[in-house]
Amino acid sequence: MDLIFKALADDTRRRLLDILRERDGRSLVELEQAILDSGLEMTRFGIMKHLKVLEAASLVISRRNGRFKYHYLNVIPLQEILDRWIEPLTQKPLARAALDLKAKMEGNVK
C-alpha cells in the first residue's frame, strides 16, 4: 500500500491516471500528446519513469499488442484504499447522526 500512496503523491502521476480515466488503453505516444495538451511539458522518458512507478503500485497495467504497448488504469488498488481508509470515515459520522436523531426523537437529548 505504501507504493500506492507514493505513486499518488506526485501531481504528474495523478494527471496520468486522470488521462487514462478519460480514455483507457493509450500508447506512450498518445499519453505524451495528452500530457502536452494538458499544458505540462514532459519528455517521453519522463512519462516512462512515471508509468514505471504507477505500474509498480499496480495502478496501471500495460499490455503489448504488436509493437505498441497500451496502458490501462487499474482501479482495484484505489478501491481497496477507499474501502480501508475512506469508507469507515464517511460511515461513522452517518452512524453518529442517526444515533443522535434517534435520541432526539425519543426525547433522550442530553
N, C-alpha and C. Protein backbone atom coordinates (compact mmCIF):
# COMPACT_ATOMS: atom_id res chain seq x y z
N MET A 1 0.81 -1.18 0.00
CA MET A 1 0.00 0.00 0.00
C MET A 1 0.87 1.26 0.00
N ASP A 2 2.08 1.15 0.53
CA ASP A 2 2.99 2.31 0.52
C ASP A 2 3.31 2.74 -0.90
N LEU A 3 3.44 1.77 -1.82
CA LEU A 3 3.72 2.11 -3.22
C LEU A 3 2.59 2.90 -3.83
N ILE A 4 1.37 2.58 -3.44
CA ILE A 4 0.21 3.31 -3.98
C ILE A 4 0.23 4.76 -3.52
N PHE A 5 0.46 4.97 -2.22
CA PHE A 5 0.50 6.34 -1.71
C PHE A 5 1.67 7.11 -2.30
N LYS A 6 2.81 6.45 -2.50
CA LYS A 6 3.97 7.10 -3.12
C LYS A 6 3.63 7.51 -4.55
N ALA A 7 2.96 6.62 -5.27
CA ALA A 7 2.59 6.92 -6.65
C ALA A 7 1.60 8.08 -6.72
N LEU A 8 0.65 8.11 -5.79
CA LEU A 8 -0.37 9.15 -5.80
C LEU A 8 0.14 10.49 -5.28
N ALA A 9 1.30 10.49 -4.64
CA ALA A 9 1.83 11.72 -4.06
C ALA A 9 2.29 12.72 -5.11
N ASP A 10 2.54 12.26 -6.32
CA ASP A 10 3.06 13.13 -7.37
C ASP A 10 1.93 13.62 -8.28
N ASP A 11 1.90 14.92 -8.52
CA ASP A 11 0.85 15.54 -9.33
C ASP A 11 0.86 15.03 -10.77
N THR A 12 2.03 14.82 -11.33
CA THR A 12 2.12 14.35 -12.71
C THR A 12 1.56 12.94 -12.84
N ARG A 13 1.85 12.08 -11.86
CA ARG A 13 1.31 10.72 -11.92
C ARG A 13 -0.21 10.74 -11.76
N ARG A 14 -0.71 11.63 -10.91
CA ARG A 14 -2.17 11.75 -10.79
C ARG A 14 -2.77 12.23 -12.11
N ARG A 15 -2.07 13.12 -12.80
CA ARG A 15 -2.55 13.60 -14.10
C ARG A 15 -2.57 12.47 -15.11
N LEU A 16 -1.54 11.61 -15.10
CA LEU A 16 -1.53 10.45 -15.99
C LEU A 16 -2.72 9.53 -15.71
N LEU A 17 -3.03 9.33 -14.43
CA LEU A 17 -4.19 8.50 -14.08
C LEU A 17 -5.48 9.15 -14.56
N ASP A 18 -5.58 10.47 -14.45
CA ASP A 18 -6.75 11.18 -14.96
C ASP A 18 -6.89 10.99 -16.47
N ILE A 19 -5.79 11.06 -17.18
CA ILE A 19 -5.81 10.89 -18.63
C ILE A 19 -6.28 9.48 -18.99
N LEU A 20 -5.79 8.48 -18.26
CA LEU A 20 -6.22 7.11 -18.52
C LEU A 20 -7.67 6.89 -18.11
N ARG A 21 -8.12 7.62 -17.11
CA ARG A 21 -9.53 7.50 -16.71
C ARG A 21 -10.44 8.08 -17.80
N GLU A 22 -9.99 9.14 -18.46
CA GLU A 22 -10.76 9.74 -19.54
C GLU A 22 -10.90 8.77 -20.72
N ARG A 23 -9.81 8.11 -21.05
CA ARG A 23 -9.84 7.11 -22.13
C ARG A 23 -8.73 6.12 -21.86
N ASP A 24 -9.13 4.90 -21.59
CA ASP A 24 -8.20 3.83 -21.24
C ASP A 24 -7.53 3.26 -22.49
N GLY A 25 -6.42 2.57 -22.27
CA GLY A 25 -5.76 1.87 -23.37
C GLY A 25 -4.99 2.78 -24.30
N ARG A 26 -4.19 3.65 -23.74
CA ARG A 26 -3.41 4.59 -24.57
C ARG A 26 -1.97 4.11 -24.70
N SER A 27 -1.40 4.40 -25.84
CA SER A 27 0.01 4.11 -26.06
C SER A 27 0.84 5.23 -25.47
N LEU A 28 2.15 5.04 -25.42
CA LEU A 28 3.04 6.06 -24.90
C LEU A 28 2.94 7.35 -25.72
N VAL A 29 2.84 7.22 -27.02
CA VAL A 29 2.72 8.40 -27.90
C VAL A 29 1.43 9.15 -27.58
N GLU A 30 0.33 8.42 -27.37
CA GLU A 30 -0.94 9.07 -27.04
C GLU A 30 -0.89 9.75 -25.67
N LEU A 31 -0.23 9.10 -24.72
CA LEU A 31 -0.07 9.70 -23.40
C LEU A 31 0.77 10.97 -23.48
N GLU A 32 1.83 10.90 -24.26
CA GLU A 32 2.69 12.08 -24.43
C GLU A 32 1.91 13.24 -25.02
N GLN A 33 1.08 12.97 -26.01
CA GLN A 33 0.27 14.03 -26.63
C GLN A 33 -0.75 14.58 -25.63
N ALA A 34 -1.36 13.71 -24.85
CA ALA A 34 -2.35 14.15 -23.86
C ALA A 34 -1.70 15.01 -22.78
N ILE A 35 -0.49 14.65 -22.38
CA ILE A 35 0.24 15.45 -21.40
C ILE A 35 0.53 16.84 -21.97
N LEU A 36 0.99 16.89 -23.21
CA LEU A 36 1.27 18.18 -23.85
C LEU A 36 -0.01 19.00 -23.99
N ASP A 37 -1.12 18.35 -24.34
CA ASP A 37 -2.40 19.05 -24.49
C ASP A 37 -2.89 19.61 -23.16
N SER A 38 -2.50 18.97 -22.05
CA SER A 38 -2.94 19.44 -20.74
C SER A 38 -2.08 20.59 -20.21
N GLY A 39 -1.06 20.96 -20.97
CA GLY A 39 -0.24 22.10 -20.58
C GLY A 39 1.04 21.75 -19.85
N LEU A 40 1.28 20.47 -19.62
CA LEU A 40 2.52 20.05 -18.98
C LEU A 40 3.56 19.75 -20.05
N GLU A 41 4.80 20.08 -19.77
CA GLU A 41 5.88 19.73 -20.69
C GLU A 41 6.67 18.61 -20.06
N MET A 42 6.73 17.49 -20.76
CA MET A 42 7.44 16.33 -20.24
C MET A 42 7.97 15.51 -21.41
N THR A 43 9.15 14.99 -21.24
CA THR A 43 9.73 14.15 -22.27
C THR A 43 9.10 12.76 -22.22
N ARG A 44 9.27 12.02 -23.27
CA ARG A 44 8.79 10.64 -23.33
C ARG A 44 9.46 9.81 -22.24
N PHE A 45 10.74 10.06 -22.00
CA PHE A 45 11.46 9.35 -20.94
C PHE A 45 10.86 9.65 -19.57
N GLY A 46 10.49 10.91 -19.34
CA GLY A 46 9.86 11.29 -18.07
C GLY A 46 8.53 10.58 -17.87
N ILE A 47 7.73 10.50 -18.92
CA ILE A 47 6.46 9.79 -18.84
C ILE A 47 6.70 8.31 -18.53
N MET A 48 7.71 7.72 -19.17
CA MET A 48 8.03 6.30 -18.93
C MET A 48 8.42 6.07 -17.47
N LYS A 49 9.17 7.00 -16.88
CA LYS A 49 9.56 6.87 -15.48
C LYS A 49 8.32 6.91 -14.57
N HIS A 50 7.41 7.81 -14.85
CA HIS A 50 6.19 7.89 -14.04
C HIS A 50 5.32 6.64 -14.24
N LEU A 51 5.24 6.16 -15.47
CA LEU A 51 4.46 4.94 -15.72
C LEU A 51 5.05 3.74 -14.97
N LYS A 52 6.36 3.70 -14.87
CA LYS A 52 7.01 2.61 -14.15
C LYS A 52 6.61 2.61 -12.67
N VAL A 53 6.54 3.80 -12.07
CA VAL A 53 6.11 3.91 -10.67
C VAL A 53 4.65 3.49 -10.53
N LEU A 54 3.81 3.93 -11.47
CA LEU A 54 2.39 3.56 -11.43
C LEU A 54 2.19 2.06 -11.64
N GLU A 55 3.01 1.46 -12.49
CA GLU A 55 2.93 0.01 -12.70
C GLU A 55 3.39 -0.75 -11.46
N ALA A 56 4.43 -0.26 -10.80
CA ALA A 56 4.92 -0.91 -9.58
C ALA A 56 3.86 -0.89 -8.48
N ALA A 57 3.03 0.15 -8.48
CA ALA A 57 1.95 0.28 -7.49
C ALA A 57 0.68 -0.42 -7.97
N SER A 58 0.72 -1.05 -9.13
CA SER A 58 -0.43 -1.75 -9.75
C SER A 58 -1.58 -0.81 -10.09
N LEU A 59 -1.29 0.47 -10.23
CA LEU A 59 -2.33 1.42 -10.63
C LEU A 59 -2.50 1.48 -12.14
N VAL A 60 -1.47 1.03 -12.85
CA VAL A 60 -1.51 0.96 -14.31
C VAL A 60 -1.06 -0.43 -14.73
N ILE A 61 -1.80 -0.99 -15.67
CA ILE A 61 -1.44 -2.29 -16.25
C ILE A 61 -1.12 -2.05 -17.71
N SER A 62 -0.03 -2.64 -18.18
CA SER A 62 0.38 -2.45 -19.58
C SER A 62 0.27 -3.77 -20.33
N ARG A 63 -0.17 -3.67 -21.57
CA ARG A 63 -0.30 -4.84 -22.44
C ARG A 63 0.33 -4.52 -23.79
N ARG A 64 1.09 -5.47 -24.29
CA ARG A 64 1.68 -5.31 -25.62
C ARG A 64 0.72 -5.83 -26.67
N ASN A 65 0.64 -5.10 -27.77
CA ASN A 65 -0.13 -5.53 -28.92
C ASN A 65 0.70 -5.17 -30.15
N GLY A 66 1.38 -6.15 -30.69
CA GLY A 66 2.30 -5.88 -31.79
C GLY A 66 3.50 -5.11 -31.28
N ARG A 67 3.82 -4.03 -31.94
CA ARG A 67 4.96 -3.24 -31.49
C ARG A 67 4.59 -2.13 -30.53
N PHE A 68 3.29 -2.03 -30.20
CA PHE A 68 2.84 -0.99 -29.28
C PHE A 68 2.52 -1.57 -27.91
N LYS A 69 2.70 -0.74 -26.90
CA LYS A 69 2.36 -1.10 -25.53
C LYS A 69 1.26 -0.15 -25.08
N TYR A 70 0.14 -0.72 -24.65
CA TYR A 70 -1.00 0.09 -24.23
C TYR A 70 -1.13 0.05 -22.71
N HIS A 71 -1.52 1.18 -22.14
CA HIS A 71 -1.58 1.35 -20.69
C HIS A 71 -3.03 1.51 -20.27
N TYR A 72 -3.39 0.79 -19.20
CA TYR A 72 -4.76 0.78 -18.70
C TYR A 72 -4.78 1.11 -17.22
N LEU A 73 -5.78 1.87 -16.80
CA LEU A 73 -5.98 2.20 -15.40
C LEU A 73 -6.51 0.97 -14.67
N ASN A 74 -5.90 0.65 -13.53
CA ASN A 74 -6.36 -0.43 -12.67
C ASN A 74 -6.95 0.20 -11.41
N VAL A 75 -8.26 0.14 -11.26
CA VAL A 75 -8.93 0.82 -10.15
C VAL A 75 -9.00 -0.03 -8.88
N ILE A 76 -8.61 -1.29 -8.95
CA ILE A 76 -8.73 -2.17 -7.77
C ILE A 76 -7.92 -1.65 -6.58
N PRO A 77 -6.65 -1.25 -6.74
CA PRO A 77 -5.92 -0.72 -5.59
C PRO A 77 -6.57 0.54 -5.00
N LEU A 78 -7.14 1.37 -5.86
CA LEU A 78 -7.80 2.59 -5.38
C LEU A 78 -9.06 2.23 -4.60
N GLN A 79 -9.79 1.22 -5.06
CA GLN A 79 -10.99 0.79 -4.34
C GLN A 79 -10.62 0.20 -2.98
N GLU A 80 -9.49 -0.50 -2.92
CA GLU A 80 -9.04 -1.05 -1.64
C GLU A 80 -8.71 0.07 -0.65
N ILE A 81 -8.13 1.16 -1.14
CA ILE A 81 -7.84 2.30 -0.28
C ILE A 81 -9.14 2.92 0.21
N LEU A 82 -10.09 3.08 -0.70
CA LEU A 82 -11.39 3.63 -0.31
C LEU A 82 -12.04 2.76 0.76
N ASP A 83 -12.03 1.45 0.55
CA ASP A 83 -12.67 0.53 1.49
C ASP A 83 -11.99 0.57 2.86
N ARG A 84 -10.69 0.66 2.86
CA ARG A 84 -9.95 0.58 4.12
C ARG A 84 -9.88 1.92 4.86
N TRP A 85 -9.65 3.01 4.15
CA TRP A 85 -9.35 4.27 4.81
C TRP A 85 -10.47 5.31 4.73
N ILE A 86 -11.17 5.39 3.64
CA ILE A 86 -12.12 6.48 3.47
C ILE A 86 -13.54 6.07 3.86
N GLU A 87 -13.97 4.91 3.44
CA GLU A 87 -15.32 4.45 3.74
C GLU A 87 -15.63 4.47 5.24
N PRO A 88 -14.73 3.95 6.10
CA PRO A 88 -15.04 4.00 7.54
C PRO A 88 -15.19 5.42 8.07
N LEU A 89 -14.44 6.35 7.50
CA LEU A 89 -14.54 7.74 7.95
C LEU A 89 -15.85 8.39 7.55
N THR A 90 -16.41 7.96 6.43
CA THR A 90 -17.68 8.54 6.00
C THR A 90 -18.86 7.85 6.68
N GLN A 91 -18.71 6.59 7.04
CA GLN A 91 -19.80 5.85 7.68
C GLN A 91 -20.00 6.26 9.13
N LYS A 92 -18.92 6.49 9.85
CA LYS A 92 -19.03 6.81 11.27
C LYS A 92 -19.84 8.08 11.52
N PRO A 93 -19.58 9.19 10.81
CA PRO A 93 -20.42 10.37 11.02
C PRO A 93 -21.90 10.11 10.71
N LEU A 94 -22.18 9.29 9.69
CA LEU A 94 -23.56 8.99 9.37
C LEU A 94 -24.21 8.18 10.49
N ALA A 95 -23.47 7.23 11.04
CA ALA A 95 -23.99 6.43 12.15
C ALA A 95 -24.22 7.31 13.37
N ARG A 96 -23.30 8.21 13.65
CA ARG A 96 -23.44 9.12 14.79
C ARG A 96 -24.66 10.01 14.60
N ALA A 97 -24.87 10.52 13.37
CA ALA A 97 -26.01 11.37 13.09
C ALA A 97 -27.32 10.60 13.27
N ALA A 98 -27.33 9.34 12.85
CA ALA A 98 -28.54 8.51 13.03
C ALA A 98 -28.82 8.28 14.51
N LEU A 99 -27.79 8.01 15.29
CA LEU A 99 -27.99 7.80 16.73
C LEU A 99 -28.45 9.08 17.41
N ASP A 100 -27.90 10.21 17.02
CA ASP A 100 -28.31 11.50 17.58
C ASP A 100 -29.77 11.80 17.25
N LEU A 101 -30.16 11.50 16.00
CA LEU A 101 -31.54 11.72 15.59
C LEU A 101 -32.48 10.83 16.37
N LYS A 102 -32.09 9.57 16.55
CA LYS A 102 -32.90 8.61 17.32
C LYS A 102 -33.09 9.12 18.75
N ALA A 103 -32.00 9.56 19.38
CA ALA A 103 -32.08 10.06 20.75
C ALA A 103 -32.97 11.30 20.83
N LYS A 104 -32.87 12.18 19.83
CA LYS A 104 -33.68 13.39 19.82
C LYS A 104 -35.16 13.06 19.66
N MET A 105 -35.46 12.10 18.78
CA MET A 105 -36.85 11.70 18.54
C MET A 105 -37.46 11.02 19.76
N GLU A 106 -36.63 10.31 20.52
CA GLU A 106 -37.11 9.60 21.71
C GLU A 106 -37.14 10.52 22.93
N GLY A 107 -36.61 11.72 22.77
CA GLY A 107 -36.61 12.66 23.87
C GLY A 107 -35.50 12.43 24.87
N ASN A 108 -34.46 11.72 24.46
CA ASN A 108 -33.32 11.41 25.35
C ASN A 108 -32.13 12.34 25.09
N VAL A 109 -32.41 13.56 24.71
CA VAL A 109 -31.33 14.50 24.41
C VAL A 109 -30.73 15.00 25.71
N LYS A 110 -29.41 15.01 25.78
CA LYS A 110 -28.70 15.44 26.98
C LYS A 110 -28.43 16.90 26.96
